[in-house]
Structures are given as C-alpha cells and as structure tokens.
Amino acid sequence: MDIKTYKRDFDYSYTLGAFPTFELVDAMPENIINVYSGSNFTDMEKLTAKCNEKSVPISINDKVINKLSDKGNVYTVGVFRKYIQELDCKKPHIVLVNPSDMGNLGTIIRTAAAFGILDIAIIEPAADIFNPKTIRASMGSVFRVRIKKFESFDKYREYISENKREIFTFMLNGEKPLTITDCPKPELYSLVFGNEASGLPNEYLNYGTSIIIPQSDLVDSLNLTIAAGIGMYMFSSGKNVTKKT
C-alpha cells in the first residue's frame, strides 16, 4: 500500500509518534493496516512485542516515516482504517458544536477520556477527528472514546430522544452559574460546548439548562478547552473514572 500524506477524503489515517501509536495498537488493533518504525527508534523491542501480542503487522521503514512526519522527532507511525462508531446512550455525553481547531479538539478528547466521559458527539461542520494533528493532540485518546458526527444538533437530539437525559449548554449568557457547591449531579447528561470563536448561538438557551462558568471581567471568555475541562470535572466528580487495563 502506498501511504500518502494525509487528506480528509482518505479512507485511512495514521498516528505520528510513539505514544499515540501504542494507544492505537492497544485499543484498536483490528483497524490497523501496518505499524512503521524508524531504524533509530529506541523502544523497538517494546513496540514489536505489543504488535505481536495484538497480531498487528510491523516493519522498519525510514522512508515512510520521513514522508509522513512533519517533525523530526517522529520515529513511529501507525496506519489504520477509518471507522464509524455509535454512542452509548446510557452514558454521559460531551457535545461539541462546530469545533474548528484540531489541537483543541484533540485536547478535549483527551480530557474527556481522563474524566471517564467516553462518548463524544461532534456537530458538523467541524475539525477532522482523524487528522493526524487531532490524533496527536489527543495523545491517542481518540482511540479510547466513542465519537459520532451529526449534521445538526437537532439530529443529535433525535438520536438521544429515547433516553431521559439532561442537557446542559455552556454559554456566556447562561442562566445557572456553575459552582462547586451547586453543580447538578444527574446520572445521565450531555454537556454542550460551542465553537472556539463564537460559542453557542442564543437558540441553545432553549435546550435544557444553560450554564455559565463564573469569571472575572478581566477577560472576555475562557478558552474552549479550559471551559470544557472545568465542566467535565465538575459534572463527573471522578465517578466515571476507571483505570486503564
């Protein structure tokens, strides 16, 4: 297979770097086409053992590494087939409406995995979850969570319509302040966050409970990844967290 520099319309993508490659091999070996290692990779024995354990093909190929890497410190690449997932509607969800930055998207995915919220809805248009930059920003956590894309928020609402869950929209003009002493604790919920630049439109005030994170007037707003991290921490309170096995 001739592996080319990534484009969104490809039916495959790849990891860049050792950590996300190990996560890929550990979490989704059935989707892997091949793992490539550079001849100077110092953990080759460990990577080979993991690939053999998961029945994943591995080869040394400096040419592929150099062609795909946009940085000089990449020594492993894991090429995998793209996949479609369904969300677990009996679990909490993170909903990202039109996220546009791949770095932010990857960071939020990693944060969600850290707090044990393993289902993420993406409302399009949105940044590409399979772009190697998103994967690298997530440190491979993208392979630990379930992600599904929706054409609109209404389509997402239809998807969860059979479940009794509470929806919380995070907005600068939200009605309910989020505080340590007064944070809702429903068993089933969706936390909804808007675009980095524009946030959520006012129509989202009509969906469930609108939340505002109290802050000083020294800044206009919190960074999306920070706001999402605060929301996930407050709502999860560690109860969804399980250790990786």
Protein backbone atom coordinates (compact mmCIF):
# COMPACT_ATOMS: atom_id res chain seq x y z
CA MET A 1 0.00 0.00 0.00
CA ASP A 2 1.34 3.40 -0.99
CA ILE A 3 0.87 5.57 2.11
CA LYS A 4 0.48 9.23 1.20
CA THR A 5 0.44 12.46 3.22
CA TYR A 6 -2.96 12.69 4.86
CA LYS A 7 -6.04 14.17 3.19
CA ARG A 8 -9.50 14.31 4.72
CA ASP A 9 -11.14 12.22 1.98
CA PHE A 10 -8.76 9.27 2.52
CA ASP A 11 -10.27 6.08 3.96
CA TYR A 12 -7.26 5.74 6.24
CA SER A 13 -5.22 7.89 8.59
CA TYR A 14 -2.18 7.44 10.80
CA THR A 15 -0.63 8.24 14.14
CA LEU A 16 2.55 10.27 14.45
CA GLY A 17 4.79 9.32 17.36
CA ALA A 18 5.27 6.50 19.81
CA PHE A 19 2.62 7.28 22.43
CA PRO A 20 -0.42 7.55 20.11
CA THR A 21 0.85 4.53 18.15
CA PHE A 22 0.99 2.41 21.30
CA GLU A 23 -2.54 3.60 22.17
CA LEU A 24 -3.75 2.63 18.69
CA VAL A 25 -2.22 -0.84 18.90
CA ASP A 26 -3.61 -1.39 22.38
CA ALA A 27 -7.13 -0.08 21.73
CA MET A 28 -7.91 -0.78 18.06
CA PRO A 29 -5.62 -3.48 16.64
CA GLU A 30 -8.38 -4.73 14.31
CA ASN A 31 -8.32 -1.44 12.37
CA ILE A 32 -4.58 -1.27 11.83
CA ILE A 33 -3.14 -1.68 8.34
CA ASN A 34 0.50 -1.51 9.39
CA VAL A 35 2.82 -0.03 12.00
CA TYR A 36 6.04 1.51 10.74
CA SER A 37 9.11 2.18 12.85
CA GLY A 38 12.25 4.12 12.09
CA SER A 39 15.56 2.32 12.33
CA ASN A 40 16.62 4.64 15.17
CA PHE A 41 13.56 4.03 17.37
CA THR A 42 14.85 3.14 20.83
CA ASP A 43 11.72 1.25 22.02
CA MET A 44 11.57 -1.09 19.03
CA GLU A 45 11.61 -4.20 21.21
CA LYS A 46 8.65 -2.98 23.26
CA LEU A 47 6.67 -1.93 20.18
CA THR A 48 7.36 -5.23 18.41
CA ALA A 49 6.21 -7.18 21.46
CA LYS A 50 2.99 -5.17 21.66
CA CYS A 51 2.30 -5.59 17.93
CA ASN A 52 2.95 -9.33 18.12
CA GLU A 53 0.65 -9.59 21.13
CA LYS A 54 -2.15 -7.90 19.17
CA SER A 55 -1.35 -9.62 15.83
CA VAL A 56 -0.52 -6.30 14.19
CA PRO A 57 1.95 -6.17 11.26
CA ILE A 58 5.05 -4.07 11.90
CA SER A 59 8.02 -3.14 9.75
CA ILE A 60 11.04 -0.84 9.78
CA ASN A 61 10.72 1.80 7.08
CA ASP A 62 12.53 5.13 7.39
CA LYS A 63 11.18 6.27 4.02
CA VAL A 64 7.55 6.11 5.19
CA ILE A 65 8.39 7.80 8.49
CA ASN A 66 10.19 10.66 6.75
CA LYS A 67 7.43 11.12 4.17
CA LEU A 68 4.58 11.32 6.66
CA SER A 69 6.25 13.14 9.54
CA ASP A 70 6.06 16.92 9.68
CA LYS A 71 8.56 17.00 12.56
CA GLY A 72 11.97 15.49 13.05
CA ASN A 73 11.15 13.70 16.30
CA VAL A 74 8.72 11.11 14.90
CA TYR A 75 10.01 7.54 14.91
CA THR A 76 6.80 5.52 14.63
CA VAL A 77 3.66 5.69 12.50
CA GLY A 78 0.54 3.57 12.83
CA VAL A 79 -1.61 3.43 9.70
CA PHE A 80 -5.26 2.49 10.30
CA ARG A 81 -8.58 2.28 8.51
CA LYS A 82 -11.11 4.95 9.43
CA TYR A 83 -14.16 3.70 11.28
CA ILE A 84 -17.70 4.69 12.27
CA GLN A 85 -18.92 4.44 15.86
CA GLU A 86 -22.18 4.67 17.76
CA LEU A 87 -22.50 6.41 21.12
CA ASP A 88 -23.61 4.66 24.29
CA CYS A 89 -26.87 6.46 25.03
CA LYS A 90 -26.87 5.12 28.57
CA LYS A 91 -23.73 7.11 29.38
CA PRO A 92 -22.93 10.85 29.71
CA HIS A 93 -22.03 12.67 26.50
CA ILE A 94 -19.87 15.61 25.51
CA VAL A 95 -21.32 17.53 22.56
CA LEU A 96 -19.02 19.83 20.57
CA VAL A 97 -20.82 22.19 18.21
CA ASN A 98 -18.69 23.16 15.20
CA PRO A 99 -15.24 22.81 16.80
CA SER A 100 -12.77 24.24 14.30
CA ASP A 101 -9.32 23.74 15.82
CA MET A 102 -7.73 20.29 15.63
CA GLY A 103 -5.48 20.95 18.61
CA ASN A 104 -8.42 21.96 20.79
CA LEU A 105 -10.47 19.00 19.59
CA GLY A 106 -7.70 16.56 20.42
CA THR A 107 -7.13 18.12 23.84
CA ILE A 108 -10.85 17.92 24.71
CA ILE A 109 -10.95 14.27 23.63
CA ARG A 110 -8.00 13.52 25.91
CA THR A 111 -9.62 15.42 28.79
CA ALA A 112 -12.90 13.56 28.32
CA ALA A 113 -11.07 10.23 28.49
CA ALA A 114 -9.28 11.38 31.64
CA PHE A 115 -12.60 12.10 33.37
CA GLY A 116 -14.21 8.89 32.16
CA ILE A 117 -16.66 10.51 29.74
CA LEU A 118 -16.20 8.21 26.77
CA ASP A 119 -18.91 9.37 24.35
CA ILE A 120 -18.48 12.49 22.22
CA ALA A 121 -20.91 13.92 19.67
CA ILE A 122 -19.49 16.24 17.01
CA ILE A 123 -21.88 18.65 15.31
CA GLU A 124 -20.68 19.48 11.82
CA PRO A 125 -19.12 21.37 10.19
CA ALA A 126 -16.15 20.54 12.39
CA ALA A 127 -12.45 19.85 12.51
CA ASP A 128 -11.38 16.41 11.32
CA ILE A 129 -11.18 13.88 14.16
CA PHE A 130 -8.98 11.61 12.03
CA ASN A 131 -6.41 14.22 11.07
CA PRO A 132 -3.01 13.15 12.45
CA LYS A 133 -2.78 16.55 14.21
CA THR A 134 -6.02 15.85 16.11
CA ILE A 135 -4.84 12.35 16.96
CA ARG A 136 -1.50 13.62 18.21
CA ALA A 137 -3.14 16.37 20.30
CA SER A 138 -5.33 13.69 21.90
CA MET A 139 -2.20 11.62 22.66
CA GLY A 140 -4.06 8.64 21.22
CA SER A 141 -7.08 9.08 23.49
CA VAL A 142 -9.20 9.31 20.35
CA PHE A 143 -8.94 5.51 20.24
CA ARG A 144 -10.28 5.22 23.80
CA VAL A 145 -13.56 7.07 23.28
CA ARG A 146 -16.62 6.70 21.05
CA ILE A 147 -17.12 9.59 18.62
CA LYS A 148 -20.05 10.15 16.28
CA LYS A 149 -20.65 13.02 13.87
CA PHE A 150 -24.06 14.65 13.34
CA GLU A 151 -25.29 17.01 10.66
CA SER A 152 -27.01 19.21 13.24
CA PHE A 153 -27.83 19.47 16.92
CA ASP A 154 -31.41 18.50 16.09
CA LYS A 155 -30.11 15.25 14.60
CA TYR A 156 -28.24 14.59 17.83
CA ARG A 157 -31.40 15.29 19.85
CA GLU A 158 -33.27 12.76 17.72
CA TYR A 159 -30.50 10.25 18.36
CA ILE A 160 -30.92 10.53 22.14
CA SER A 161 -34.69 11.06 22.15
CA GLU A 162 -35.47 7.72 23.79
CA ASN A 163 -33.30 8.50 26.80
CA LYS A 164 -34.22 10.66 29.74
CA ARG A 165 -31.12 12.77 29.95
CA GLU A 166 -30.49 16.36 30.95
CA ILE A 167 -28.84 18.75 28.52
CA PHE A 168 -26.54 21.49 29.78
CA THR A 169 -25.39 24.18 27.36
CA PHE A 170 -22.30 26.19 28.34
CA MET A 171 -22.80 29.84 27.36
CA LEU A 172 -21.52 33.27 28.34
CA ASN A 173 -25.14 34.34 28.91
CA GLY A 174 -26.13 31.12 30.63
CA GLU A 175 -28.71 31.31 33.40
CA LYS A 176 -27.22 28.94 36.00
CA PRO A 177 -23.76 29.67 37.46
CA LEU A 178 -21.60 26.57 37.80
CA THR A 179 -20.19 26.42 41.31
CA ILE A 180 -18.55 23.76 43.45
CA THR A 181 -21.41 23.81 45.96
CA ASP A 182 -24.21 23.91 43.40
CA CYS A 183 -23.34 21.69 40.46
CA PRO A 184 -26.11 19.48 39.05
CA LYS A 185 -25.44 15.78 39.52
CA PRO A 186 -27.73 13.89 37.14
CA GLU A 187 -26.83 10.32 36.25
CA LEU A 188 -27.37 10.91 32.54
CA TYR A 189 -26.39 14.19 30.91
CA SER A 190 -24.99 15.90 27.84
CA LEU A 191 -22.58 18.82 28.21
CA VAL A 192 -22.74 21.06 25.14
CA PHE A 193 -19.92 23.42 24.12
CA GLY A 194 -19.75 25.82 21.17
CA ASN A 195 -17.19 26.94 18.65
CA GLU A 196 -13.90 28.47 19.87
CA ALA A 197 -14.64 31.88 18.35
CA SER A 198 -18.41 32.28 18.59
CA GLY A 199 -19.58 29.90 21.32
CA LEU A 200 -23.17 28.67 21.16
CA PRO A 201 -25.92 30.69 19.42
CA ASN A 202 -28.69 32.11 21.61
CA GLU A 203 -31.09 29.40 20.45
CA TYR A 204 -29.21 27.00 22.73
CA LEU A 205 -30.71 28.84 25.70
CA ASN A 206 -33.83 26.87 24.88
CA TYR A 207 -32.17 23.47 25.11
CA GLY A 208 -32.18 22.12 28.66
CA THR A 209 -30.30 24.20 31.25
CA SER A 210 -27.89 26.92 30.19
CA ILE A 211 -24.70 27.08 32.28
CA ILE A 212 -22.27 29.93 32.84
CA ILE A 213 -18.84 29.47 34.42
CA PRO A 214 -18.33 32.47 36.71
CA GLN A 215 -15.21 34.51 35.87
CA SER A 216 -13.77 37.96 36.39
CA ASP A 217 -14.31 40.77 33.90
CA LEU A 218 -10.58 40.87 33.11
CA VAL A 219 -11.09 38.52 30.15
CA ASP A 220 -13.86 38.12 27.60
CA SER A 221 -14.18 34.36 27.93
CA LEU A 222 -12.40 31.16 28.84
CA ASN A 223 -10.56 29.09 26.24
CA LEU A 224 -12.81 26.29 24.96
CA THR A 225 -10.55 23.53 26.23
CA ILE A 226 -10.42 25.11 29.71
CA ALA A 227 -14.19 25.58 29.86
CA ALA A 228 -14.79 22.02 28.71
CA GLY A 229 -12.29 20.70 31.25
CA ILE A 230 -13.95 22.59 34.10
CA GLY A 231 -17.39 21.36 33.03
CA MET A 232 -16.29 17.74 32.73
CA TYR A 233 -14.53 17.79 36.08
CA MET A 234 -17.45 19.37 37.91
CA PHE A 235 -20.08 17.06 36.46
CA SER A 236 -18.10 13.83 36.60
CA SER A 237 -16.59 14.27 40.09
CA GLY A 238 -14.47 11.23 39.41
CA LYS A 239 -17.40 8.80 39.41
CA ASN A 240 -16.92 7.82 35.75
CA VAL A 241 -13.17 7.31 36.05
CA THR A 242 -11.79 3.80 35.67
CA LYS A 243 -8.17 2.78 35.45
CA LYS A 244 -6.83 1.60 32.09
CA THR A 245 -6.16 -2.11 31.99
